[in-house]
Amino acid sequence: MNRTRFVPKPTTLGLIISLLLSPAALADQYSDAAKKWIDDEFAQSSLSKDDQMKELAWFTEAAKPFRGMEIKVVSETITTHEYESKVLAKAFEEITGIKVTHDLIQEGDVVEKLQTEMQSNRSIYDAYINDSDLIGTHFRYGKVIPISDYITGEGKDVTLPTLDLDDFIGLSFTTGPDGKVYQLPDQQFANLYWFRADWFEREDLQKQFKEIYDYDLGVPVNWSAYEDIAEFFTEHVKEIDGKRVYGHMDYGKKDPSLGWRFTDAWFSMAGAGDKGLPNGKPVDEWGIRVEGCRPVGSGVERGGATNGPAAVYATTKYVEWLNKYAPAEAQGMTFSEAGPVPAQGNIAQQIFWYTAFTADMTKPGLEVVNPDGTPKWRMAPSPKGPYWEEGMKLGYQDAGSWTLMKATDPERRKAAWLYAQFTVAKTVSLKKTLVGLTPIRESDINSDIMTEAAPKLGGLVEFYRSPARVQWTPTGTNVPDYPKLAQLWWQYIAEAANGEKTPQQALDGLATAQDRVLERLERANVQGECGPKLNKPRDAAYWLAQPGAPKAKLANEKPKGVTIKYAELLKSWQQ
């Protein structure tokens, strides 16, 4: 029997195609995708399912003019951004019809691409996630579109009604002296104190510590106590359960990451700058002095503090502790090599530990994780150096933030802005926080889901719920050109780390080099009324006699150690 294939008449075929491509069918396609993602990936959210559907329906509608467009964005490689690149970009495409290539590269490469675009005025990426450390650069050069301008102007029609800027905990970090918000926070993590709570609670070790140092083993409040604890575990305890242990961990290889170790607020922890949040004024934690909004110098002879006594003290302790109390191999390590070491189980404490490592430090089966999944370690506020005063910042907080460049094509910028908002929208942000543990929203931090997660996160939730969190801040607006100035630090700090020069000599070199860059910027006059205008050098004694930073050398840089019990610390946070 002959079988003939059914071929629809042209009119029938046209009808089928038109039905499939009808707005209703397309709307169903995108709303079905939204429902699927909410039910599966975004089930954990601070919003109800109905509100999630409304929020994603807005994205579908706002994206209509850009369907079929392909955009490119970039960020550094950390767990949070890997989740965005692999999961959120796919979800966004299915819900909006806009395809996103979210590149992941090293942090230094992100800054280099950004710098190239700023210098050439030619678009490389449609949007960047770069650290808010560049806030001083962005507000001076005029190469970015402030977010607060964009959402009330060109981007008003593609700005999410439920974006809720007031819910972002790091907005002060991305705000310029002119009051404009230049970048939108996408992830945040702080450098805190990390310690082996299980060892600190052992009665035999508590007794031994008290006998030697005449105060209790606990969370160090000042650097004196941190130093005593470092010495105690390295030189007195030496071994726990048959394993050699150390009281300190750090890194010292001549490498760009050595600069982060210092620009990420080491001097502020010691107390080198002035009072003020998010950064000291007039002198910040880099040692740069501003008058009004103009940088006027970083060397002590110009009123700066980069090579002042507090900075020299901080650098001296960095070198001393690295040589005396850390494993010998730490001196030849970079940031990325040193980061995983505490998880191996032989480090008692670390004064400078990024909360971005929390996810990696809580994996089942690690030496530092109990069988029930709770950590043997805890995080706490960093101890304060002897030059620190109430009202100063206490440490560093990274805030990777969405940045829109003027060189980008306006239509591509709108599509990229939609994706940027999607990655921080309330529908997805709680799940992203649980994956990367880099919270950005008050509503996520205070959710019941974060309360449930808290016991396995070693103090992360308690820290971000506490008012203390505002004392950890990124690089501020005193730094007029982050890419040019940041690259100086690792080269000069390395001279002190490897013993080639004394801390004073190394910092004198750094201060001079920074002031040369400021001088070049002043001559070029490319930063307008907030560009550098250097003070004339004066005798250092003049500046050291003035109130605030630069601060004169203390007669006693090692007062008695002070510690606090971790349980008491948590109570003080809750109050």
Protein backbone atom coordinates (compact mmCIF):
# COMPACT_ATOMS: atom_id res chain seq x y z
CA MET A 1 0.00 0.00 0.00
CA ASN A 2 1.33 3.44 -0.97
CA ARG A 3 1.80 5.87 1.94
CA THR A 4 1.93 9.54 1.09
CA ARG A 5 3.42 12.07 3.51
CA PHE A 6 0.99 14.79 4.63
CA VAL A 7 2.21 18.20 3.49
CA PRO A 8 0.16 21.10 4.86
CA LYS A 9 -1.15 23.63 2.39
CA PRO A 10 0.78 26.90 2.41
CA THR A 11 -2.01 28.62 4.26
CA THR A 12 -2.02 25.90 6.97
CA LEU A 13 1.79 26.06 7.38
CA GLY A 14 1.70 29.85 7.63
CA LEU A 15 -0.99 29.62 10.28
CA ILE A 16 1.08 27.18 12.39
CA ILE A 17 4.20 29.39 12.16
CA SER A 18 2.27 32.54 13.02
CA LEU A 19 0.72 30.84 16.05
CA LEU A 20 4.11 29.65 17.26
CA LEU A 21 5.58 33.10 16.87
CA SER A 22 2.62 34.96 18.32
CA PRO A 23 3.24 37.22 21.32
CA ALA A 24 1.13 34.90 23.49
CA ALA A 25 3.23 31.85 22.57
CA LEU A 26 6.48 33.76 23.15
CA ALA A 27 5.17 35.12 26.43
CA ASP A 28 4.36 31.57 27.50
CA GLN A 29 7.87 30.47 26.52
CA TYR A 30 9.50 33.10 28.74
CA SER A 31 7.05 32.80 31.63
CA ASP A 32 7.43 29.00 31.55
CA ALA A 33 11.19 29.49 31.76
CA ALA A 34 10.77 31.90 34.68
CA LYS A 35 8.53 29.43 36.53
CA LYS A 36 11.00 26.59 35.94
CA TRP A 37 13.93 28.62 37.31
CA ILE A 38 11.94 29.79 40.34
CA ASP A 39 10.78 26.28 41.16
CA ASP A 40 14.24 24.75 40.78
CA GLU A 41 17.23 27.07 41.13
CA PHE A 42 15.70 30.11 42.84
CA ALA A 43 13.42 28.35 45.34
CA GLN A 44 15.40 30.06 48.15
CA SER A 45 14.59 33.76 47.95
CA SER A 46 13.62 36.66 50.19
CA LEU A 47 10.58 37.14 47.88
CA SER A 48 7.40 35.04 47.64
CA LYS A 49 6.98 32.98 44.46
CA ASP A 50 4.31 35.38 43.22
CA ASP A 51 6.63 38.35 43.68
CA GLN A 52 9.46 36.43 41.99
CA MET A 53 7.22 35.78 38.99
CA LYS A 54 6.30 39.47 38.83
CA GLU A 55 9.96 40.50 38.99
CA LEU A 56 10.99 38.07 36.23
CA ALA A 57 7.99 39.07 34.10
CA TRP A 58 9.31 42.63 34.24
CA PHE A 59 12.68 41.42 32.88
CA THR A 60 10.92 39.55 30.05
CA GLU A 61 8.95 42.66 29.07
CA ALA A 62 11.86 45.12 29.41
CA ALA A 63 14.10 42.87 27.29
CA LYS A 64 11.76 42.81 24.25
CA PRO A 65 13.70 45.40 22.20
CA PHE A 66 16.96 43.48 22.76
CA ARG A 67 15.89 39.89 22.07
CA GLY A 68 18.46 38.03 19.99
CA MET A 69 21.24 40.44 21.03
CA GLU A 70 24.54 38.98 22.29
CA ILE A 71 26.39 40.96 24.96
CA LYS A 72 29.74 40.49 26.70
CA VAL A 73 30.55 41.26 30.35
CA VAL A 74 33.57 40.47 32.51
CA SER A 75 34.54 39.87 36.14
CA GLU A 76 37.34 38.34 38.16
CA THR A 77 37.27 34.61 38.89
CA ILE A 78 35.68 33.88 42.29
CA THR A 79 32.92 31.44 43.24
CA THR A 80 30.18 34.09 43.08
CA HIS A 81 31.08 35.16 39.56
CA GLU A 82 31.46 31.54 38.42
CA TYR A 83 27.85 31.03 39.49
CA GLU A 84 26.79 34.09 37.52
CA SER A 85 28.70 32.99 34.43
CA LYS A 86 27.53 29.37 34.44
CA VAL A 87 24.02 29.62 35.92
CA LEU A 88 22.63 33.16 35.96
CA ALA A 89 23.67 34.00 32.38
CA LYS A 90 21.79 30.90 31.17
CA ALA A 91 18.71 31.75 33.26
CA PHE A 92 18.77 35.32 31.99
CA GLU A 93 18.89 34.17 28.36
CA GLU A 94 15.94 31.80 28.80
CA ILE A 95 13.86 34.46 30.56
CA THR A 96 14.75 37.42 28.30
CA GLY A 97 16.08 36.13 24.99
CA ILE A 98 19.36 38.07 25.44
CA LYS A 99 22.50 35.92 25.20
CA VAL A 100 25.29 36.79 27.67
CA THR A 101 28.95 35.82 27.49
CA HIS A 102 30.20 36.40 31.04
CA ASP A 103 34.00 36.14 30.90
CA LEU A 104 35.98 35.20 33.99
CA ILE A 105 39.58 36.48 34.15
CA GLN A 106 42.10 37.42 36.84
CA GLU A 107 41.48 40.60 38.85
CA GLY A 108 44.57 42.32 37.45
CA ASP A 109 43.39 41.57 33.91
CA VAL A 110 39.98 43.12 34.63
CA VAL A 111 41.69 46.34 35.73
CA GLU A 112 43.94 46.24 32.64
CA LYS A 113 40.94 45.88 30.26
CA LEU A 114 39.17 48.71 32.05
CA GLN A 115 42.24 50.90 31.88
CA THR A 116 42.64 50.20 28.14
CA GLU A 117 39.01 51.14 27.50
CA MET A 118 39.36 54.34 29.52
CA GLN A 119 42.49 55.38 27.61
CA SER A 120 41.23 54.44 24.13
CA ASN A 121 37.54 55.34 24.52
CA ARG A 122 36.80 52.13 22.61
CA SER A 123 34.39 49.59 24.11
CA ILE A 124 35.87 46.21 25.07
CA TYR A 125 33.03 44.87 27.25
CA ASP A 126 29.42 46.00 27.54
CA ALA A 127 29.70 46.10 31.35
CA TYR A 128 32.33 45.34 33.98
CA ILE A 129 32.25 43.97 37.50
CA ASN A 130 35.27 45.66 39.02
CA ASP A 131 36.20 46.45 42.59
CA SER A 132 34.83 49.61 44.12
CA ASP A 133 38.49 50.29 44.97
CA LEU A 134 38.43 52.24 41.69
CA ILE A 135 35.79 54.70 42.97
CA GLY A 136 38.41 57.50 43.19
CA THR A 137 39.46 56.76 39.62
CA HIS A 138 35.93 56.59 38.25
CA PHE A 139 34.60 59.79 39.73
CA ARG A 140 37.67 61.81 38.60
CA TYR A 141 38.18 60.63 35.02
CA GLY A 142 34.57 60.89 33.84
CA LYS A 143 34.76 57.66 31.80
CA VAL A 144 31.89 55.88 33.58
CA ILE A 145 28.19 56.72 33.79
CA PRO A 146 27.20 57.04 37.46
CA ILE A 147 24.47 54.50 38.23
CA SER A 148 22.41 57.16 40.01
CA ASP A 149 22.46 59.28 36.81
CA TYR A 150 21.74 56.32 34.55
CA ILE A 151 18.64 55.06 36.36
CA THR A 152 17.01 58.50 36.28
CA GLY A 153 18.13 59.30 32.73
CA GLU A 154 19.14 57.13 29.80
CA GLY A 155 18.43 53.84 31.59
CA LYS A 156 15.18 54.80 33.30
CA ASP A 157 13.06 52.54 31.05
CA VAL A 158 15.28 49.50 31.77
CA THR A 159 15.68 49.99 35.53
CA LEU A 160 14.04 47.37 37.72
CA PRO A 161 11.25 48.85 39.90
CA THR A 162 12.19 46.39 42.68
CA LEU A 163 15.95 47.09 42.50
CA ASP A 164 15.69 48.73 45.96
CA LEU A 165 19.05 50.51 46.27
CA ASP A 166 18.48 51.08 50.00
CA ASP A 167 18.68 47.29 50.50
CA PHE A 168 22.34 47.18 49.32
CA ILE A 169 24.73 47.15 52.29
CA GLY A 170 27.74 48.48 50.34
CA LEU A 171 26.29 51.51 48.59
CA SER A 172 28.44 53.95 50.61
CA PHE A 173 31.51 52.24 49.11
CA THR A 174 30.46 53.09 45.56
CA THR A 175 29.40 56.69 46.23
CA GLY A 176 31.68 59.57 45.20
CA PRO A 177 32.31 62.83 47.08
CA ASP A 178 29.68 64.38 44.78
CA GLY A 179 27.02 62.11 46.31
CA LYS A 180 26.54 60.10 43.11
CA VAL A 181 26.45 56.29 43.11
CA TYR A 182 29.01 55.25 40.50
CA GLN A 183 28.78 51.44 40.71
CA LEU A 184 26.25 48.81 41.83
CA PRO A 185 27.56 46.24 44.36
CA ASP A 186 27.43 42.65 43.11
CA GLN A 187 29.38 40.81 45.83
CA GLN A 188 31.15 41.66 49.09
CA PHE A 189 33.66 39.98 51.36
CA ALA A 190 35.75 41.21 54.26
CA ASN A 191 39.18 40.39 55.63
CA LEU A 192 38.65 39.20 59.20
CA TYR A 193 40.49 37.35 61.95
CA TRP A 194 40.32 33.54 61.63
CA PHE A 195 41.12 31.07 64.40
CA ARG A 196 40.81 27.43 65.48
CA ALA A 197 38.03 27.70 68.03
CA ASP A 198 38.46 24.02 69.00
CA TRP A 199 42.10 24.59 70.01
CA PHE A 200 41.33 27.84 71.82
CA GLU A 201 38.73 25.99 73.92
CA ARG A 202 41.08 23.24 75.10
CA GLU A 203 41.60 23.49 78.85
CA ASP A 204 45.24 22.34 78.70
CA LEU A 205 46.14 25.03 76.17
CA GLN A 206 44.18 27.70 78.08
CA LYS A 207 46.06 26.79 81.27
CA GLN A 208 49.45 26.82 79.53
CA PHE A 209 48.78 30.19 77.87
CA LYS A 210 47.65 31.80 81.13
CA GLU A 211 50.80 30.58 82.91
CA ILE A 212 53.08 32.08 80.27
CA TYR A 213 51.29 35.35 79.39
CA ASP A 214 49.20 36.07 82.52
CA TYR A 215 45.91 36.60 80.65
CA ASP A 216 43.32 34.34 79.00
CA LEU A 217 43.64 32.67 75.64
CA GLY A 218 40.83 34.09 73.51
CA VAL A 219 40.03 36.22 70.49
CA PRO A 220 42.76 38.91 70.38
CA VAL A 221 41.49 42.47 70.72
CA ASN A 222 44.88 44.06 70.02
CA TRP A 223 48.00 43.20 68.02
CA SER A 224 49.94 42.48 71.21
CA ALA A 225 47.63 39.57 71.98
CA TYR A 226 47.78 38.34 68.37
CA GLU A 227 51.58 38.31 68.58
CA ASP A 228 51.53 36.45 71.92
CA ILE A 229 49.15 33.82 70.53
CA ALA A 230 51.30 33.45 67.40
CA GLU A 231 54.37 32.88 69.55
CA PHE A 232 52.47 30.51 71.87
CA PHE A 233 51.37 28.06 69.19
CA THR A 234 54.59 28.25 67.15
CA GLU A 235 57.18 28.13 69.93
CA HIS A 236 55.44 26.60 72.97
CA VAL A 237 52.71 24.27 71.69
CA LYS A 238 54.57 23.24 68.51
CA GLU A 239 52.54 20.05 67.94
CA ILE A 240 48.88 19.07 68.20
CA ASP A 241 47.82 15.47 67.54
CA GLY A 242 51.29 14.72 66.18
CA LYS A 243 51.21 17.55 63.61
CA ARG A 244 53.52 20.60 63.60
CA VAL A 245 51.39 23.71 64.14
CA TYR A 246 51.98 27.42 63.60
CA GLY A 247 50.48 30.52 65.19
CA HIS A 248 50.33 32.65 62.04
CA MET A 249 49.85 32.38 58.27
CA ASP A 250 50.69 34.90 55.56
CA TYR A 251 52.54 35.14 52.24
CA GLY A 252 55.63 37.04 51.05
CA LYS A 253 56.54 36.27 47.42
CA LYS A 254 57.34 39.24 45.17
CA ASP A 255 54.11 39.17 43.18
CA PRO A 256 51.26 41.62 42.42
CA SER A 257 49.16 39.89 45.10
CA LEU A 258 51.63 41.12 47.74
CA GLY A 259 50.30 44.61 47.01
CA TRP A 260 46.73 43.57 47.87
CA ARG A 261 48.03 42.34 51.20
CA PHE A 262 48.78 45.98 52.03
CA THR A 263 46.41 48.12 49.96
CA ASP A 264 43.62 45.94 51.35
CA ALA A 265 43.96 47.96 54.51
CA TRP A 266 46.89 46.53 56.48
CA PHE A 267 47.88 50.02 57.59
CA SER A 268 44.33 50.79 58.74
CA MET A 269 44.35 47.74 61.01
CA ALA A 270 47.50 49.12 62.65
CA GLY A 271 45.91 52.58 62.89
CA ALA A 272 47.98 54.56 60.38
CA GLY A 273 45.23 56.76 58.90
CA ASP A 274 42.68 59.20 60.28
CA LYS A 275 39.24 58.67 61.75
CA GLY A 276 36.29 58.51 59.38
CA LEU A 277 34.09 55.95 57.61
CA PRO A 278 34.16 54.55 55.03
CA ASN A 279 37.74 55.93 54.87
CA GLY A 280 39.88 58.24 56.96
CA LYS A 281 39.84 61.96 56.27
CA PRO A 282 41.99 63.81 55.50
CA VAL A 283 44.46 60.86 55.47
CA ASP A 284 43.24 57.46 54.31
CA GLU A 285 44.61 53.94 54.89
CA TRP A 286 46.97 54.23 51.89
CA GLY A 287 48.54 57.22 53.61
CA ILE A 288 47.25 59.67 50.99
CA ARG A 289 46.14 63.08 52.28
CA VAL A 290 43.37 65.05 50.57
CA GLU A 291 42.35 68.66 51.02
CA GLY A 292 38.77 69.03 49.86
CA CYS A 293 38.78 66.38 47.17
CA ARG A 294 42.34 67.01 45.94
CA PRO A 295 45.13 64.52 46.86
CA VAL A 296 48.05 66.58 48.18
CA GLY A 297 50.65 63.91 49.01
CA SER A 298 51.42 60.55 50.54
CA GLY A 299 54.90 61.09 52.01
CA VAL A 300 55.09 62.45 55.56
CA GLU A 301 56.83 65.62 54.33
CA ARG A 302 53.67 66.47 52.37
CA GLY A 303 51.29 65.54 55.20
CA GLY A 304 50.73 61.93 54.14
CA ALA A 305 51.31 58.79 56.20
CA THR A 306 52.53 56.11 53.75
CA ASN A 307 56.00 56.18 55.33
CA GLY A 308 55.00 57.40 58.79
CA PRO A 309 55.72 55.63 62.10
CA ALA A 310 52.40 53.72 62.16
CA ALA A 311 52.95 52.37 58.62
CA VAL A 312 56.54 51.42 59.48
CA TYR A 313 55.31 49.63 62.61
CA ALA A 314 52.69 47.74 60.57
CA THR A 315 55.24 46.68 57.94
CA THR A 316 57.76 45.67 60.61
CA LYS A 317 55.20 43.38 62.25
CA TYR A 318 54.22 41.89 58.89
CA VAL A 319 57.86 40.92 58.19
CA GLU A 320 58.56 39.79 61.76
CA TRP A 321 55.48 37.57 62.07
CA LEU A 322 56.02 36.04 58.63
CA ASN A 323 59.60 35.09 59.51
CA LYS A 324 58.99 33.95 63.08
CA TYR A 325 55.55 32.37 63.30
CA ALA A 326 54.41 31.17 59.85
CA PRO A 327 55.53 27.99 58.05
CA ALA A 328 58.85 28.60 56.26
CA GLU A 329 57.29 28.02 52.83
CA ALA A 330 54.87 30.96 53.39
CA GLN A 331 57.67 33.39 52.50
CA GLY A 332 57.69 32.07 48.94
CA MET A 333 53.90 31.94 48.49
CA THR A 334 51.46 34.19 46.64
CA PHE A 335 47.95 35.09 47.78
CA SER A 336 46.33 32.20 45.90
CA GLU A 337 48.88 29.68 47.16
CA ALA A 338 48.60 30.77 50.81
CA GLY A 339 44.79 30.96 50.85
CA PRO A 340 44.05 27.21 51.16
CA VAL A 341 46.74 26.52 53.81
CA PRO A 342 44.63 27.10 56.97
CA ALA A 343 42.15 24.45 55.71
CA GLN A 344 44.94 21.86 55.96
CA GLY A 345 44.68 21.97 59.75
CA ASN A 346 48.04 23.19 61.07
CA ILE A 347 47.39 26.95 61.48
CA ALA A 348 46.07 28.32 64.79
CA GLN A 349 45.06 31.80 63.62
CA GLN A 350 45.31 34.27 60.78
CA ILE A 351 44.95 38.01 61.30
CA PHE A 352 44.13 38.65 57.65
CA TRP A 353 41.68 36.12 56.17
CA TYR A 354 39.13 36.84 53.44
CA THR A 355 35.55 35.68 54.06
CA ALA A 356 35.47 34.77 50.34
CA PHE A 357 37.28 31.60 51.45
CA THR A 358 34.30 30.56 53.63
CA ALA A 359 32.76 28.27 50.99
CA ASP A 360 36.08 26.44 50.49
CA MET A 361 36.73 26.28 54.24
CA THR A 362 33.40 24.55 55.02
CA LYS A 363 33.62 21.60 52.62
CA PRO A 364 32.83 18.20 54.22
CA GLY A 365 35.87 16.05 54.93
CA LEU A 366 38.30 18.91 55.52
CA GLU A 367 40.65 18.73 58.49
CA VAL A 368 38.97 21.89 59.86
CA VAL A 369 35.34 20.69 59.55
CA ASN A 370 33.54 18.46 62.07
CA PRO A 371 31.71 15.30 60.91
CA ASP A 372 28.35 17.10 61.36
CA GLY A 373 29.44 19.83 58.92
CA THR A 374 30.07 22.54 61.53
CA PRO A 375 33.48 24.26 61.34
CA LYS A 376 36.21 23.80 63.94
CA TRP A 377 37.16 27.41 63.23
CA ARG A 378 35.49 30.80 63.63
CA MET A 379 35.89 34.29 62.19
CA ALA A 380 35.91 37.46 64.30
CA PRO A 381 36.81 41.16 64.04
CA SER A 382 40.48 41.79 63.34
CA PRO A 383 42.60 42.89 66.31
CA LYS A 384 43.60 46.56 66.42
CA GLY A 385 47.14 47.93 66.25
CA PRO A 386 48.43 50.40 68.86
CA TYR A 387 47.86 53.44 66.60
CA TRP A 388 44.19 52.59 66.02
CA GLU A 389 41.55 54.95 67.48
CA GLU A 390 37.79 54.65 67.87
CA GLY A 391 36.05 55.94 64.76
CA MET A 392 38.63 54.54 62.30
CA LYS A 393 38.06 51.81 59.76
CA LEU A 394 39.33 48.47 61.02
CA GLY A 395 39.94 46.50 57.87
CA TYR A 396 39.13 45.88 54.25
CA GLN A 397 35.94 44.85 52.51
CA ASP A 398 35.94 43.96 48.82
CA ALA A 399 32.91 45.16 46.87
CA GLY A 400 32.95 43.90 43.28
CA SER A 401 30.51 46.23 41.54
CA TRP A 402 28.79 46.66 38.19
CA THR A 403 30.27 49.54 36.20
CA LEU A 404 28.83 51.11 33.03
CA MET A 405 31.29 52.79 30.67
CA LYS A 406 30.55 55.80 28.46
CA ALA A 407 32.31 54.17 25.49
CA THR A 408 29.67 51.40 25.28
CA ASP A 409 26.98 51.53 22.59
CA PRO A 410 23.82 52.82 24.34
CA GLU A 411 21.61 49.89 23.25
CA ARG A 412 24.20 47.32 24.31
CA ARG A 413 24.59 49.20 27.61
CA LYS A 414 20.85 48.88 28.25
CA ALA A 415 20.91 45.13 27.59
CA ALA A 416 23.97 44.75 29.85
CA TRP A 417 22.27 46.81 32.57
CA LEU A 418 19.34 44.39 32.46
CA TYR A 419 21.72 41.48 33.03
CA ALA A 420 23.56 43.35 35.80
CA GLN A 421 20.28 43.94 37.64
CA PHE A 422 19.25 40.33 37.12
CA THR A 423 22.39 39.11 38.95
CA VAL A 424 21.50 41.19 42.02
CA ALA A 425 17.68 41.04 41.86
CA LYS A 426 15.90 39.79 44.97
CA THR A 427 14.60 36.77 43.02
CA VAL A 428 18.14 35.41 42.67
CA SER A 429 20.37 37.19 45.21
CA LEU A 430 19.71 34.95 48.23
CA LYS A 431 20.60 31.80 46.29
CA LYS A 432 23.70 33.53 44.93
CA THR A 433 24.65 34.49 48.49
CA LEU A 434 24.29 30.89 49.67
CA VAL A 435 26.53 29.71 46.82
CA GLY A 436 29.31 32.30 47.00
CA LEU A 437 28.82 33.61 50.57
CA THR A 438 29.44 37.22 49.47
CA PRO A 439 26.25 38.99 50.66
CA ILE A 440 25.10 42.32 49.24
CA ARG A 441 21.50 42.74 50.48
CA GLU A 442 20.12 43.43 53.96
CA SER A 443 17.03 41.35 53.10
CA ASP A 444 19.19 38.30 52.34
CA ILE A 445 21.38 38.59 55.44
CA ASN A 446 18.34 38.85 57.72
CA SER A 447 16.36 36.04 56.07
CA ASP A 448 15.32 32.89 57.95
CA ILE A 449 17.30 30.85 55.42
CA MET A 450 20.54 32.60 56.44
CA THR A 451 19.67 31.99 60.09
CA GLU A 452 19.44 28.27 59.31
CA ALA A 453 22.77 28.34 57.44
CA ALA A 454 24.62 30.32 60.14
CA PRO A 455 25.89 27.43 62.34
CA LYS A 456 27.93 26.05 59.43
CA LEU A 457 29.42 29.38 58.34
CA GLY A 458 31.74 30.14 61.26
CA GLY A 459 30.47 33.59 62.19
CA LEU A 460 29.86 35.03 58.70
CA VAL A 461 26.16 35.66 59.27
CA GLU A 462 26.73 37.12 62.72
CA PHE A 463 29.36 39.50 61.33
CA TYR A 464 27.15 40.77 58.51
CA ARG A 465 24.20 41.22 60.84
CA SER A 466 26.28 43.25 63.28
CA PRO A 467 26.73 47.02 63.21
CA ALA A 468 30.49 46.33 63.32
CA ARG A 469 30.51 45.49 59.60
CA VAL A 470 30.65 49.18 58.61
CA GLN A 471 34.25 49.37 59.92
CA TRP A 472 35.46 47.14 57.06
CA THR A 473 35.54 49.16 53.85
CA PRO A 474 37.19 49.13 50.40
CA THR A 475 39.78 51.59 49.12
CA GLY A 476 38.21 55.03 49.09
CA THR A 477 38.09 58.21 47.05
CA ASN A 478 41.49 59.58 48.17
CA VAL A 479 43.17 57.27 45.64
CA PRO A 480 42.92 59.17 42.33
CA ASP A 481 44.22 56.48 39.96
CA TYR A 482 44.00 52.98 41.42
CA PRO A 483 45.60 51.12 38.46
CA LYS A 484 48.69 53.35 38.42
CA LEU A 485 49.18 53.55 42.19
CA ALA A 486 48.29 49.97 43.21
CA GLN A 487 51.03 48.48 41.04
CA LEU A 488 53.69 50.34 43.04
CA TRP A 489 52.90 48.64 46.33
CA TRP A 490 53.99 45.06 45.70
CA GLN A 491 57.34 46.14 44.28
CA TYR A 492 58.29 48.21 47.33
CA ILE A 493 56.74 45.96 49.99
CA ALA A 494 58.71 43.04 48.51
CA GLU A 495 61.94 44.89 49.37
CA ALA A 496 60.96 44.75 53.04
CA ALA A 497 59.54 41.21 52.85
CA ASN A 498 62.76 39.74 51.44
CA GLY A 499 65.04 41.72 53.75
CA GLU A 500 66.58 43.75 50.93
CA LYS A 501 65.62 46.99 52.71
CA THR A 502 64.31 47.99 56.13
CA PRO A 503 60.56 48.71 56.39
CA GLN A 504 61.37 52.45 56.69
CA GLN A 505 63.54 52.42 53.54
CA ALA A 506 60.95 50.44 51.56
CA LEU A 507 58.11 52.76 52.58
CA ASP A 508 60.18 55.88 51.87
CA GLY A 509 60.59 54.51 48.35
CA LEU A 510 56.87 53.77 48.06
CA ALA A 511 55.83 57.22 49.30
CA THR A 512 58.22 58.91 46.86
CA ALA A 513 56.94 56.77 43.96
CA GLN A 514 53.30 57.51 44.83
CA ASP A 515 53.99 61.23 44.99
CA ARG A 516 55.69 61.06 41.57
CA VAL A 517 52.50 59.58 40.10
CA LEU A 518 50.40 62.26 41.81
CA GLU A 519 52.78 64.88 40.41
CA ARG A 520 52.40 63.52 36.87
CA LEU A 521 48.60 63.56 37.21
CA GLU A 522 48.78 67.14 38.45
CA ARG A 523 50.89 68.21 35.45
CA ALA A 524 48.62 66.40 32.99
CA ASN A 525 45.58 68.11 34.56
CA VAL A 526 43.25 65.33 33.37
CA GLN A 527 41.20 64.98 36.55
CA GLY A 528 39.61 68.39 36.87
CA GLU A 529 39.02 70.14 40.15
CA CYS A 530 39.49 66.94 42.18
CA GLY A 531 42.85 66.06 40.61
CA PRO A 532 46.07 66.06 42.68
CA LYS A 533 47.73 69.32 43.74
CA LEU A 534 50.79 68.42 45.81
CA ASN A 535 51.74 70.18 49.03
CA LYS A 536 55.23 71.63 49.11
CA PRO A 537 57.53 69.44 51.26
CA ARG A 538 57.99 70.54 54.88
CA ASP A 539 60.02 69.10 57.71
CA ALA A 540 58.45 65.79 58.85
CA ALA A 541 58.47 67.04 62.46
CA TYR A 542 55.92 69.70 61.51
CA TRP A 543 53.40 67.17 60.25
CA LEU A 544 54.02 64.65 63.04
CA ALA A 545 53.23 67.38 65.59
CA GLN A 546 49.80 68.04 64.02
CA PRO A 547 46.64 66.24 65.28
CA GLY A 548 45.72 63.01 63.49
CA ALA A 549 47.74 61.29 60.78
CA PRO A 550 50.65 61.13 60.18
CA LYS A 551 51.06 60.03 63.79
CA ALA A 552 54.25 60.38 65.83
CA LYS A 553 55.95 57.17 66.98
CA LEU A 554 54.50 55.76 70.20
CA ALA A 555 56.81 55.25 73.16
CA ASN A 556 55.28 51.79 73.68
CA GLU A 557 54.11 49.94 70.59
CA LYS A 558 53.37 46.76 72.53
CA PRO A 559 50.89 47.33 75.37
CA LYS A 560 49.66 44.30 77.33
CA GLY A 561 47.70 41.80 75.29
CA VAL A 562 43.89 41.88 75.56
CA THR A 563 41.56 39.03 74.55
CA ILE A 564 37.82 38.36 74.68
CA LYS A 565 35.84 35.12 74.80
CA TYR A 566 34.14 34.39 71.49
CA ALA A 567 30.72 33.96 73.17
CA GLU A 568 31.02 37.43 74.73
CA LEU A 569 32.01 38.86 71.36
CA LEU A 570 28.86 37.46 69.75
CA LYS A 571 26.75 38.99 72.52
CA SER A 572 28.32 42.41 71.94
CA TRP A 573 27.48 42.12 68.23
CA GLN A 574 23.86 41.27 69.01
CA GLN A 575 23.58 44.35 71.22
